PDB file of N, CA and C in Angstrom:
ATOM      1  N   MET A   1      -4.187  -9.061  -6.732  1.00  0.00           N
ATOM      2  CA  MET A   1      -5.617  -9.855  -6.221  1.00  0.00           C
ATOM      3  C   MET A   1      -6.463  -9.521  -7.784  1.00  0.00           C
ATOM      4  N   LEU A   2      -6.015  -8.794  -8.744  1.00  0.00           N
ATOM      5  CA  LEU A   2      -6.997  -8.003  -9.366  1.00  0.00           C
ATOM      6  C   LEU A   2      -6.230  -8.569 -10.889  1.00  0.00           C
ATOM      7  N   ASN A   3      -5.361  -8.957 -10.559  1.00  0.00           N
ATOM      8  CA  ASN A   3      -4.023  -9.044 -11.654  1.00  0.00           C
ATOM      9  C   ASN A   3      -4.165  -8.080 -12.735  1.00  0.00           C
ATOM     10  N   ASP A   4      -4.177  -6.858 -12.133  1.00  0.00           N
ATOM     11  CA  ASP A   4      -3.991  -5.265 -12.893  1.00  0.00           C
ATOM     12  C   ASP A   4      -2.920  -5.579 -13.923  1.00  0.00           C
ATOM     13  N   PRO A   5      -3.018  -5.376 -15.316  1.00  0.00           N
ATOM     14  CA  PRO A   5      -2.245  -5.035 -16.242  1.00  0.00           C
ATOM     15  C   PRO A   5      -1.096  -3.950 -15.403  1.00  0.00           C
ATOM     16  N   LYS A   6      -1.482  -3.003 -15.133  1.00  0.00           N
ATOM     17  CA  LYS A   6      -0.375  -1.845 -15.001  1.00  0.00           C
ATOM     18  C   LYS A   6       0.658  -2.121 -13.853  1.00  0.00           C
ATOM     19  N   LEU A   7       0.411  -3.415 -13.079  1.00  0.00           N
ATOM     20  CA  LEU A   7       1.530  -3.704 -12.247  1.00  0.00           C
ATOM     21  C   LEU A   7       2.641  -4.600 -12.773  1.00  0.00           C
ATOM     22  N   SER A   8       3.793  -3.979 -12.529  1.00  0.00           N
ATOM     23  CA  SER A   8       4.912  -4.055 -13.372  1.00  0.00           C
ATOM     24  C   SER A   8       5.363  -5.810 -12.750  1.00  0.00           C
ATOM     25  N   GLU A   9       5.900  -6.335 -13.627  1.00  0.00           N
ATOM     26  CA  GLU A   9       6.785  -7.872 -13.499  1.00  0.00           C
ATOM     27  C   GLU A   9       7.147  -8.212 -12.363  1.00  0.00           C
ATOM     28  N   THR A  10       8.218  -7.248 -12.399  1.00  0.00           N
ATOM     29  CA  THR A  10       8.940  -6.964 -10.595  1.00  0.00           C
ATOM     30  C   THR A  10       7.878  -7.478  -9.517  1.00  0.00           C
ATOM     31  N   ALA A  11       7.132  -6.391  -9.374  1.00  0.00           N
ATOM     32  CA  ALA A  11       5.738  -6.492  -7.987  1.00  0.00           C
ATOM     33  C   ALA A  11       5.399  -7.400  -8.166  1.00  0.00           C
ATOM     34  N   SER A  12       4.867  -7.945  -9.615  1.00  0.00           N
ATOM     35  CA  SER A  12       3.626  -9.154  -9.443  1.00  0.00           C
ATOM     36  C   SER A  12       4.575 -10.480  -9.090  1.00  0.00           C
ATOM     37  N   THR A  13       5.902 -10.216  -9.714  1.00  0.00           N
ATOM     38  CA  THR A  13       7.118 -11.738  -8.787  1.00  0.00           C
ATOM     39  C   THR A  13       7.045 -11.721  -7.085  1.00  0.00           C
ATOM     40  N   SER A  14       7.630 -10.405  -6.914  1.00  0.00           N
ATOM     41  CA  SER A  14       7.513 -10.137  -5.482  1.00  0.00           C
ATOM     42  C   SER A  14       5.928 -10.282  -4.849  1.00  0.00           C
ATOM     43  N   ILE A  15       4.896 -10.235  -5.266  1.00  0.00           N
ATOM     44  CA  ILE A  15       3.893 -10.743  -4.401  1.00  0.00           C
ATOM     45  C   ILE A  15       3.615 -11.749  -4.840  1.00  0.00           C
ATOM     46  N   ALA A  16       3.845 -12.556  -5.177  1.00  0.00           N
ATOM     47  CA  ALA A  16       3.490 -14.002  -6.108  1.00  0.00           C
ATOM     48  C   ALA A  16       4.171 -14.900  -5.350  1.00  0.00           C
ATOM     49  N   ASP A  17       5.999 -14.350  -4.923  1.00  0.00           N
ATOM     50  CA  ASP A  17       6.522 -15.015  -3.833  1.00  0.00           C
ATOM     51  C   ASP A  17       6.326 -15.757  -2.457  1.00  0.00           C
ATOM     52  N   ARG A  18       6.266 -17.046  -2.488  1.00  0.00           N
ATOM     53  CA  ARG A  18       5.551 -17.347  -0.962  1.00  0.00           C
ATOM     54  C   ARG A  18       6.548 -16.999   0.300  1.00  0.00           C
ATOM     55  N   GLU A  19       7.683 -16.990  -0.490  1.00  0.00           N
ATOM     56  CA  GLU A  19       8.475 -16.789   0.445  1.00  0.00           C
ATOM     57  C   GLU A  19       8.450 -15.300   1.255  1.00  0.00           C
ATOM     58  N   ASN A  20       7.900 -14.204   0.383  1.00  0.00           N
ATOM     59  CA  ASN A  20       8.183 -13.106   0.535  1.00  0.00           C
ATOM     60  C   ASN A  20       6.641 -12.981   1.866  1.00  0.00           C
ATOM     61  N   LEU A  21       6.330 -11.912   3.089  1.00  0.00           N
ATOM     62  CA  LEU A  21       5.413 -11.864   3.838  1.00  0.00           C
ATOM     63  C   LEU A  21       4.645 -10.661   3.280  1.00  0.00           C
ATOM     64  N   CYS A  22       3.443 -10.266   2.457  1.00  0.00           N
ATOM     65  CA  CYS A  22       3.105  -9.889   2.006  1.00  0.00           C
ATOM     66  C   CYS A  22       1.970  -9.037   2.998  1.00  0.00           C
ATOM     67  N   LEU A  23       2.183  -7.752   3.013  1.00  0.00           N
ATOM     68  CA  LEU A  23       1.480  -6.988   3.860  1.00  0.00           C
ATOM     69  C   LEU A  23       0.520  -5.777   3.195  1.00  0.00           C
ATOM     70  N   VAL A  24      -0.801  -5.716   3.771  1.00  0.00           N
ATOM     71  CA  VAL A  24      -1.505  -4.713   3.043  1.00  0.00           C
ATOM     72  C   VAL A  24      -1.807  -3.936   4.173  1.00  0.00           C
ATOM     73  N   SER A  25      -1.373  -2.888   4.004  1.00  0.00           N
ATOM     74  CA  SER A  25      -1.741  -1.436   5.121  1.00  0.00           C
ATOM     75  C   SER A  25      -3.651  -1.380   4.984  1.00  0.00           C
ATOM     76  N   ALA A  26      -3.414  -1.164   6.304  1.00  0.00           N
ATOM     77  CA  ALA A  26      -5.049  -0.400   6.310  1.00  0.00           C
ATOM     78  C   ALA A  26      -5.374   0.768   6.000  1.00  0.00           C
ATOM     79  N   ALA A  27      -4.230   1.495   5.731  1.00  0.00           N
ATOM     80  CA  ALA A  27      -4.533   2.739   4.468  1.00  0.00           C
ATOM     81  C   ALA A  27      -5.086   2.534   3.356  1.00  0.00           C
ATOM     82  N   SER A  28      -4.676   1.545   2.623  1.00  0.00           N
ATOM     83  CA  SER A  28      -4.768   0.976   1.506  1.00  0.00           C
ATOM     84  C   SER A  28      -6.352   0.409   1.169  1.00  0.00           C
ATOM     85  N   GLN A  29      -6.617  -0.040   2.178  1.00  0.00           N
ATOM     86  CA  GLN A  29      -8.318  -0.921   2.400  1.00  0.00           C
ATOM     87  C   GLN A  29      -8.954   0.563   2.089  1.00  0.00           C
ATOM     88  N   TRP A  30      -8.951   1.806   3.408  1.00  0.00           N
ATOM     89  CA  TRP A  30      -9.301   2.990   3.320  1.00  0.00           C
ATOM     90  C   TRP A  30      -9.759   3.568   1.740  1.00  0.00           C
ATOM     91  N   GLU A  31      -8.034   4.199   1.285  1.00  0.00           N
ATOM     92  CA  GLU A  31      -7.952   4.427   0.709  1.00  0.00           C
ATOM     93  C   GLU A  31      -8.742   4.094  -0.895  1.00  0.00           C
ATOM     94  N   VAL A  32      -8.833   2.643  -1.192  1.00  0.00           N
ATOM     95  CA  VAL A  32      -9.674   1.973  -2.244  1.00  0.00           C
ATOM     96  C   VAL A  32     -11.096   2.470  -1.975  1.00  0.00           C
ATOM     97  N   ALA A  33     -11.684   2.275  -0.573  1.00  0.00           N
ATOM     98  CA  ALA A  33     -12.942   2.383  -0.478  1.00  0.00           C
ATOM     99  C   ALA A  33     -13.369   4.129  -0.787  1.00  0.00           C
ATOM    100  N   ILE A  34     -12.735   4.978  -0.372  1.00  0.00           N
ATOM    101  CA  ILE A  34     -12.687   6.084  -0.816  1.00  0.00           C
ATOM    102  C   ILE A  34     -12.872   6.364  -2.515  1.00  0.00           C
ATOM    103  N   LYS A  35     -11.979   6.012  -3.190  1.00  0.00           N
ATOM    104  CA  LYS A  35     -11.975   6.092  -4.703  1.00  0.00           C
ATOM    105  C   LYS A  35     -13.070   5.170  -5.016  1.00  0.00           C
ATOM    106  N   ILE A  36     -13.774   4.296  -4.666  1.00  0.00           N
ATOM    107  CA  ILE A  36     -15.000   3.493  -5.245  1.00  0.00           C
ATOM    108  C   ILE A  36     -15.882   4.536  -4.951  1.00  0.00           C
ATOM    109  N   SER A  37     -16.295   5.512  -3.865  1.00  0.00           N
ATOM    110  CA  SER A  37     -16.944   5.994  -3.585  1.00  0.00           C
ATOM    111  C   SER A  37     -17.337   7.099  -4.169  1.00  0.00           C
ATOM    112  N   VAL A  38     -16.064   7.894  -4.689  1.00  0.00           N
ATOM    113  CA  VAL A  38     -15.677   9.228  -5.671  1.00  0.00           C
ATOM    114  C   VAL A  38     -16.076   9.145  -7.015  1.00  0.00           C
ATOM    115  N   GLY A  39     -16.210   7.485  -7.576  1.00  0.00           N
ATOM    116  CA  GLY A  39     -16.190   6.988  -8.785  1.00  0.00           C
ATOM    117  C   GLY A  39     -14.711   6.841  -9.543  1.00  0.00           C
ATOM    118  N   LYS A  40     -13.640   6.981  -8.933  1.00  0.00           N
ATOM    119  CA  LYS A  40     -12.276   7.092  -9.479  1.00  0.00           C
ATOM    120  C   LYS A  40     -11.460   5.478  -9.527  1.00  0.00           C
ATOM    121  N   TYR A  41     -12.300   4.825  -9.129  1.00  0.00           N
ATOM    122  CA  TYR A  41     -12.022   2.912  -8.851  1.00  0.00           C
ATOM    123  C   TYR A  41     -13.389   2.329  -9.041  1.00  0.00           C
ATOM    124  N   ARG A  42     -13.089   1.440  -9.938  1.00  0.00           N
ATOM    125  CA  ARG A  42     -14.203   0.367 -10.283  1.00  0.00           C
ATOM    126  C   ARG A  42     -13.784  -1.213  -9.817  1.00  0.00           C
ATOM    127  N   ILE A  43     -14.804  -1.505  -8.686  1.00  0.00           N
ATOM    128  CA  ILE A  43     -14.314  -3.288  -8.974  1.00  0.00           C
ATOM    129  C   ILE A  43     -15.823  -3.821  -9.221  1.00  0.00           C
ATOM    130  N   SER A  44     -15.527  -4.943  -9.873  1.00  0.00           N
ATOM    131  CA  SER A  44     -16.531  -5.769 -10.391  1.00  0.00           C
ATOM    132  C   SER A  44     -17.004  -7.087  -9.323  1.00  0.00           C
ATOM    133  N   ASP A  45     -17.008  -7.291  -8.087  1.00  0.00           N
ATOM    134  CA  ASP A  45     -17.102  -7.460  -6.610  1.00  0.00           C
ATOM    135  C   ASP A  45     -17.910  -6.391  -6.041  1.00  0.00           C
ATOM    136  N   ASP A  46     -18.458  -7.443  -4.622  1.00  0.00           N
ATOM    137  CA  ASP A  46     -18.675  -6.352  -3.464  1.00  0.00           C
ATOM    138  C   ASP A  46     -17.238  -6.003  -2.794  1.00  0.00           C
ATOM    139  N   PHE A  47     -17.481  -4.714  -2.580  1.00  0.00           N
ATOM    140  CA  PHE A  47     -16.395  -4.543  -1.558  1.00  0.00           C
ATOM    141  C   PHE A  47     -15.754  -5.203  -0.212  1.00  0.00           C
ATOM    142  N   GLU A  48     -16.725  -5.907   0.193  1.00  0.00           N
ATOM    143  CA  GLU A  48     -16.503  -6.239   1.718  1.00  0.00           C
ATOM    144  C   GLU A  48     -16.169  -7.544   0.861  1.00  0.00           C
ATOM    145  N   THR A  49     -16.480  -8.094   0.407  1.00  0.00           N
ATOM    146  CA  THR A  49     -16.064  -9.770  -0.589  1.00  0.00           C
ATOM    147  C   THR A  49     -14.718  -9.733  -0.781  1.00  0.00           C
ATOM    148  N   LEU A  50     -14.069  -8.388  -1.651  1.00  0.00           N
ATOM    149  CA  LEU A  50     -12.919  -8.311  -1.995  1.00  0.00           C
ATOM    150  C   LEU A  50     -11.926  -8.365  -1.130  1.00  0.00           C
ATOM    151  N   TRP A  51     -12.041  -7.112  -0.062  1.00  0.00           N
ATOM    152  CA  TRP A  51     -11.363  -7.281   1.275  1.00  0.00           C
ATOM    153  C   TRP A  51     -11.271  -8.621   1.721  1.00  0.00           C
ATOM    154  N   ASN A  52     -12.256  -9.309   2.259  1.00  0.00           N
ATOM    155  CA  ASN A  52     -12.142 -10.662   2.987  1.00  0.00           C
ATOM    156  C   ASN A  52     -11.202 -11.579   1.711  1.00  0.00           C
ATOM    157  N   ASP A  53     -11.430 -11.252   0.943  1.00  0.00           N
ATOM    158  CA  ASP A  53     -10.273 -12.613  -0.171  1.00  0.00           C
ATOM    159  C   ASP A  53      -8.905 -11.675  -0.161  1.00  0.00           C
ATOM    160  N   VAL A  54      -8.735 -10.447  -0.091  1.00  0.00           N
ATOM    161  CA  VAL A  54      -7.166  -9.892  -0.071  1.00  0.00           C
ATOM    162  C   VAL A  54      -6.971 -10.442   1.285  1.00  0.00           C
ATOM    163  N   LEU A  55      -7.609 -10.302   2.301  1.00  0.00           N
ATOM    164  CA  LEU A  55      -7.042 -10.300   3.402  1.00  0.00           C
ATOM    165  C   LEU A  55      -6.784 -11.834   4.344  1.00  0.00           C
ATOM    166  N   SER A  56      -7.678 -12.435   3.217  1.00  0.00           N
ATOM    167  CA  SER A  56      -7.040 -14.001   3.439  1.00  0.00           C
ATOM    168  C   SER A  56      -6.105 -14.512   2.661  1.00  0.00           C
ATOM    169  N   ARG A  57      -5.193 -13.631   1.867  1.00  0.00           N
ATOM    170  CA  ARG A  57      -4.126 -13.832   0.892  1.00  0.00           C
ATOM    171  C   ARG A  57      -2.962 -12.883   1.842  1.00  0.00           C
ATOM    172  N   PHE A  58      -3.152 -12.200   2.393  1.00  0.00           N
ATOM    173  CA  PHE A  58      -2.248 -11.102   3.136  1.00  0.00           C
ATOM    174  C   PHE A  58      -2.365 -10.658   4.297  1.00  0.00           C
ATOM    175  N   ALA A  59      -1.428 -10.496   5.044  1.00  0.00           N
ATOM    176  CA  ALA A  59      -1.736  -9.521   6.006  1.00  0.00           C
ATOM    177  C   ALA A  59      -1.804  -8.943   6.307  1.00  0.00           C
ATOM    178  N   THR A  60      -2.892  -8.208   7.460  1.00  0.00           N
ATOM    179  CA  THR A  60      -3.140  -6.700   7.065  1.00  0.00           C
ATOM    180  C   THR A  60      -1.969  -5.826   8.186  1.00  0.00           C
ATOM    181  N   LEU A  61      -1.626  -4.875   7.804  1.00  0.00           N
ATOM    182  CA  LEU A  61      -0.330  -3.797   8.440  1.00  0.00           C
ATOM    183  C   LEU A  61      -1.305  -2.461   8.772  1.00  0.00           C
ATOM    184  N   ASN A  62      -1.655  -3.152  10.140  1.00  0.00           N
ATOM    185  CA  ASN A  62      -2.350  -1.783  10.956  1.00  0.00           C
ATOM    186  C   ASN A  62      -2.026  -0.751  11.506  1.00  0.00           C
ATOM    187  N   ILE A  63      -2.726   0.304  11.525  1.00  0.00           N
ATOM    188  CA  ILE A  63      -1.990   1.606  12.001  1.00  0.00           C
ATOM    189  C   ILE A  63      -1.752   2.179  12.949  1.00  0.00           C
ATOM    190  N   GLU A  64      -0.340   2.040  13.281  1.00  0.00           N
ATOM    191  CA  GLU A  64       0.031   1.859  14.884  1.00  0.00           C
ATOM    192  C   GLU A  64       0.643   3.847  15.125  1.00  0.00           C
ATOM    193  N   PRO A  65       0.480   4.043  16.741  1.00  0.00           N
ATOM    194  CA  PRO A  65       1.264   5.088  16.889  1.00  0.00           C
ATOM    195  C   PRO A  65       2.739   5.234  16.186  1.00  0.00           C
ATOM    196  N   ARG A  66       3.749   4.244  16.404  1.00  0.00           N
ATOM    197  CA  ARG A  66       4.915   4.691  15.951  1.00  0.00           C
ATOM    198  C   ARG A  66       4.795   4.594  14.201  1.00  0.00           C
ATOM    199  N   HIS A  67       3.747   4.831  13.764  1.00  0.00           N
ATOM    200  CA  HIS A  67       3.762   4.538  12.065  1.00  0.00           C
ATOM    201  C   HIS A  67       3.284   6.658  11.966  1.00  0.00           C
ATOM    202  N   THR A  68       2.220   6.897  12.927  1.00  0.00           N
ATOM    203  CA  THR A  68       1.520   8.198  12.792  1.00  0.00           C
ATOM    204  C   THR A  68       2.552   9.290  13.295  1.00  0.00           C
ATOM    205  N   ALA A  69       3.371   8.625  14.491  1.00  0.00           N
ATOM    206  CA  ALA A  69       4.227   9.443  14.624  1.00  0.00           C
ATOM    207  C   ALA A  69       5.348  10.035  13.490  1.00  0.00           C
ATOM    208  N   LYS A  70       5.900   9.177  12.697  1.00  0.00           N
ATOM    209  CA  LYS A  70       6.880   9.332  11.721  1.00  0.00           C
ATOM    210  C   LYS A  70       6.357  10.350  10.747  1.00  0.00           C
ATOM    211  N   LEU A  71       5.192  10.942  10.853  1.00  0.00           N
ATOM    212  CA  LEU A  71       4.519  11.980   9.966  1.00  0.00           C
ATOM    213  C   LEU A  71       4.645  12.986  10.274  1.00  0.00           C
ATOM    214  N   ILE A  72       4.982  13.464  11.807  1.00  0.00           N
ATOM    215  CA  ILE A  72       5.149  14.377  11.979  1.00  0.00           C
ATOM    216  C   ILE A  72       6.597  15.201  11.693  1.00  0.00           C
ATOM    217  N   SER A  73       7.465  14.330  11.418  1.00  0.00           N
ATOM    218  CA  SER A  73       8.731  14.804  11.249  1.00  0.00           C
ATOM    219  C   SER A  73       8.815  14.562   9.388  1.00  0.00           C
ATOM    220  N   LEU A  74       8.274  13.862   8.594  1.00  0.00           N
ATOM    221  CA  LEU A  74       8.246  13.052   7.217  1.00  0.00           C
ATOM    222  C   LEU A  74       8.014  14.871   6.224  1.00  0.00           C
ATOM    223  N   PRO A  75       9.147  14.962   5.757  1.00  0.00           N
ATOM    224  CA  PRO A  75       9.236  15.971   4.344  1.00  0.00           C
ATOM    225  C   PRO A  75       7.987  15.828   3.638  1.00  0.00           C
ATOM    226  N   PHE A  76       7.411  17.142   2.968  1.00  0.00           N
ATOM    227  CA  PHE A  76       6.449  16.998   2.205  1.00  0.00           C
ATOM    228  C   PHE A  76       6.756  16.843   0.803  1.00  0.00           C
ATOM    229  N   HIS A  77       7.863  15.665   0.645  1.00  0.00           N
ATOM    230  CA  HIS A  77       7.846  15.526  -0.676  1.00  0.00           C
ATOM    231  C   HIS A  77       6.675  14.863  -1.452  1.00  0.00           C
ATOM    232  N   HIS A  78       5.650  14.396  -0.810  1.00  0.00           N
ATOM    233  CA  HIS A  78       4.614  13.987  -1.358  1.00  0.00           C
ATOM    234  C   HIS A  78       3.285  14.237  -0.603  1.00  0.00           C
ATOM    235  N   LYS A  79       2.443  15.288  -1.182  1.00  0.00           N
ATOM    236  CA  LYS A  79       1.250  15.423  -0.519  1.00  0.00           C
ATOM    237  C   LYS A  79      -0.099  14.459  -0.271  1.00  0.00           C
ATOM    238  N   ASP A  80      -0.407  13.673  -1.102  1.00  0.00           N
ATOM    239  CA  ASP A  80      -1.212  12.417  -0.590  1.00  0.00           C
ATOM    240  C   ASP A  80      -1.174  11.558   0.769  1.00  0.00           C
ATOM    241  N   PRO A  81      -2.182  11.885   1.397  1.00  0.00           N
ATOM    242  CA  PRO A  81      -1.924  11.493   2.802  1.00  0.00           C
ATOM    243  C   PRO A  81      -1.926   9.966   3.154  1.00  0.00           C
ATOM    244  N   PHE A  82      -2.504   9.333   2.117  1.00  0.00           N
ATOM    245  CA  PHE A  82      -2.398   7.544   2.079  1.00  0.00           C
ATOM    246  C   PHE A  82      -0.867   7.340   1.792  1.00  0.00           C
ATOM    247  N   ASP A  83      -0.181   7.997   1.106  1.00  0.00           N
ATOM    248  CA  ASP A  83       1.144   7.813   0.626  1.00  0.00           C
ATOM    249  C   ASP A  83       2.104   8.316   1.548  1.00  0.00           C
ATOM    250  N   ARG A  84       1.735   9.184   2.194  1.00  0.00           N
ATOM    251  CA  ARG A  84       2.918   9.398   3.232  1.00  0.00           C
ATOM    252  C   ARG A  84       2.456   8.750   4.565  1.00  0.00           C
ATOM    253  N   LEU A  85       1.047   7.908   5.022  1.00  0.00           N
ATOM    254  CA  LEU A  85       1.367   7.051   5.574  1.00  0.00           C
ATOM    255  C   LEU A  85       1.932   5.775   5.479  1.00  0.00           C
ATOM    256  N   LEU A  86       1.866   5.538   3.936  1.00  0.00           N
ATOM    257  CA  LEU A  86       2.558   4.155   3.370  1.00  0.00           C
ATOM    258  C   LEU A  86       4.029   4.189   3.670  1.00  0.00           C
ATOM    259  N   ILE A  87       4.421   5.746   3.110  1.00  0.00           N
ATOM    260  CA  ILE A  87       6.005   6.324   3.360  1.00  0.00           C
ATOM    261  C   ILE A  87       6.294   5.952   5.217  1.00  0.00           C
ATOM    262  N   ALA A  88       5.533   6.347   5.921  1.00  0.00           N
ATOM    263  CA  ALA A  88       5.716   6.064   7.232  1.00  0.00           C
ATOM    264  C   ALA A  88       5.897   4.949   8.134  1.00  0.00           C
ATOM    265  N   GLN A  89       4.532   3.930   7.549  1.00  0.00           N
ATOM    266  CA  GLN A  89       4.451   2.501   7.637  1.00  0.00           C
ATOM    267  C   GLN A  89       6.152   1.829   7.132  1.00  0.00           C
ATOM    268  N   SER A  90       6.754   1.968   6.154  1.00  0.00           N
ATOM    269  CA  SER A  90       7.648   1.729   5.719  1.00  0.00           C
ATOM    270  C   SER A  90       9.244   1.771   6.625  1.00  0.00           C
ATOM    271  N   LEU A  91       8.914   3.485   6.536  1.00  0.00           N
ATOM    272  CA  LEU A  91       9.981   3.902   7.831  1.00  0.00           C
ATOM    273  C   LEU A  91       9.986   3.471   8.716  1.00  0.00           C
ATOM    274  N   ALA A  92       8.945   3.293   9.470  1.00  0.00           N
ATOM    275  CA  ALA A  92       8.886   2.523  10.832  1.00  0.00           C
ATOM    276  C   ALA A  92       9.032   1.161  11.316  1.00  0.00           C
ATOM    277  N   GLU A  93       8.517   0.090   9.894  1.00  0.00           N
ATOM    278  CA  GLU A  93       8.575  -1.285  10.039  1.00  0.00           C
ATOM    279  C   GLU A  93      10.028  -1.801   9.548  1.00  0.00           C
ATOM    280  N   GLN A  94      10.871  -0.687   8.195  1.00  0.00           N
ATOM    281  CA  GLN A  94      11.748  -1.601   7.760  1.00  0.00           C
ATOM    282  C   GLN A  94      11.197  -2.287   6.498  1.00  0.00           C
ATOM    283  N   ILE A  95      10.374  -1.838   6.189  1.00  0.00           N
ATOM    284  CA  ILE A  95       9.816  -2.971   4.807  1.00  0.00           C
ATOM    285  C   ILE A  95       9.983  -2.139   3.604  1.00  0.00           C
ATOM    286  N   PRO A  96       9.618  -2.508   2.411  1.00  0.00           N
ATOM    287  CA  PRO A  96       9.798  -2.269   1.222  1.00  0.00           C
ATOM    288  C   PRO A  96       8.084  -1.784   0.699  1.00  0.00           C
ATOM    289  N   VAL A  97       7.833  -0.855  -0.349  1.00  0.00           N
ATOM    290  CA  VAL A  97       6.537  -0.607  -0.571  1.00  0.00           C
ATOM    291  C   VAL A  97       6.718  -1.176  -2.170  1.00  0.00           C
ATOM    292  N   ILE A  98       5.152  -1.521  -2.783  1.00  0.00           N
ATOM    293  CA  ILE A  98       5.187  -1.829  -3.997  1.00  0.00           C
ATOM    294  C   ILE A  98       4.480  -0.578  -4.267  1.00  0.00           C
ATOM    295  N   SER A  99       5.339   0.177  -5.308  1.00  0.00           N
ATOM    296  CA  SER A  99       4.628   1.364  -5.799  1.00  0.00           C
ATOM    297  C   SER A  99       5.653   1.690  -7.206  1.00  0.00           C
ATOM    298  N   SER A 100       4.557   2.661  -8.499  1.00  0.00           N
ATOM    299  CA  SER A 100       5.106   2.803  -9.115  1.00  0.00           C
ATOM    300  C   SER A 100       5.650   4.688  -9.052  1.00  0.00           C
ATOM    301  N   ASP A 101       4.765   5.314  -8.068  1.00  0.00           N
ATOM    302  CA  ASP A 101       5.637   6.867  -7.611  1.00  0.00           C
ATOM    303  C   ASP A 101       6.892   6.508  -7.263  1.00  0.00           C
ATOM    304  N   ALA A 102       7.810   7.601  -8.362  1.00  0.00           N
ATOM    305  CA  ALA A 102       9.129   7.402  -7.916  1.00  0.00           C
ATOM    306  C   ALA A 102       9.723   8.298  -6.909  1.00  0.00           C
ATOM    307  N   VAL A 103       8.336   9.231  -6.763  1.00  0.00           N
ATOM    308  CA  VAL A 103       8.850  10.665  -5.769  1.00  0.00           C
ATOM    309  C   VAL A 103       8.605   9.838  -3.862  1.00  0.00           C
ATOM    310  N   LEU A 104       8.335   8.571  -3.963  1.00  0.00           N
ATOM    311  CA  LEU A 104       8.461   7.773  -2.384  1.00  0.00           C
ATOM    312  C   LEU A 104       9.772   7.731  -2.469  1.00  0.00           C
ATOM    313  N   ASP A 105      11.172   7.545  -3.878  1.00  0.00           N
ATOM    314  CA  ASP A 105      12.420   7.586  -3.477  1.00  0.00           C
ATOM    315  C   ASP A 105      12.947   8.383  -2.456  1.00  0.00           C
ATOM    316  N   ALA A 106      12.319   9.623  -2.611  1.00  0.00           N
ATOM    317  CA  ALA A 106      12.842  10.982  -2.120  1.00  0.00           C
ATOM    318  C   ALA A 106      12.874  10.750  -0.366  1.00  0.00           C
ATOM    319  N   TYR A 107      12.081   9.566  -0.006  1.00  0.00           N
ATOM    320  CA  TYR A 107      12.073   9.096   1.353  1.00  0.00           C
ATOM    321  C   TYR A 107      13.048   8.518   1.987  1.00  0.00           C
ATOM    322  N   GLY A 108      13.935   7.870   0.884  1.00  0.00           N
ATOM    323  CA  GLY A 108      15.042   6.569   1.418  1.00  0.00           C
ATOM    324  C   GLY A 108      14.070   5.204   1.724  1.00  0.00           C
ATOM    325  N   ILE A 109      13.097   5.239   1.517  1.00  0.00           N
ATOM    326  CA  ILE A 109      12.198   3.651   1.165  1.00  0.00           C
ATOM    327  C   ILE A 109      13.215   2.911   0.341  1.00  0.00           C
ATOM    328  N   GLN A 110      12.605   1.351   0.498  1.00  0.00           N
ATOM    329  CA  GLN A 110      12.751   0.597  -0.783  1.00  0.00           C
ATOM    330  C   GLN A 110      11.512   0.345  -1.451  1.00  0.00           C
ATOM    331  N   ARG A 111      11.714   1.070  -2.715  1.00  0.00           N
ATOM    332  CA  ARG A 111      10.309   0.790  -3.364  1.00  0.00           C
ATOM    333  C   ARG A 111      10.602  -0.381  -4.431  1.00  0.00           C
ATOM    334  N   ILE A 112       9.449  -1.057  -4.683  1.00  0.00           N
ATOM    335  CA  ILE A 112       9.904  -2.075  -5.624  1.00  0.00           C
ATOM    336  C   ILE A 112       8.753  -2.035  -6.502  1.00  0.00           C
ATOM    337  N   TRP A 113       9.605  -2.049  -8.194  1.00  0.00           N
ATOM    338  CA  TRP A 113       8.384  -1.445  -9.088  1.00  0.00           C
ATOM    339  C   TRP A 113       9.035  -1.921 -10.548  1.00  0.00           C
TER     340      TRP A 113
END
């Protein structure tokens, strides 16, 4: 959405491919709001406007009990609670995650980067 130059070409291509159903986790929306509030991330637009735009282009992956249930037995290779929830969602839904974080590979999920 923001044409971040840190996004890999493979990830960008996967997102741009209209054949792919792209999902945005509710956890990501929550994490971005927190990062903005503590000054770790900046956006040029209003947060609500940005997310309305994001959600007009991508489907929302809500946080469901089957996702949070996966957290109970998930090993602690990764400590970040948002990333752990994305991993749990990936496992529960059998879907890949776009991330540069190679630690996610320890969970056996499909990581696109």
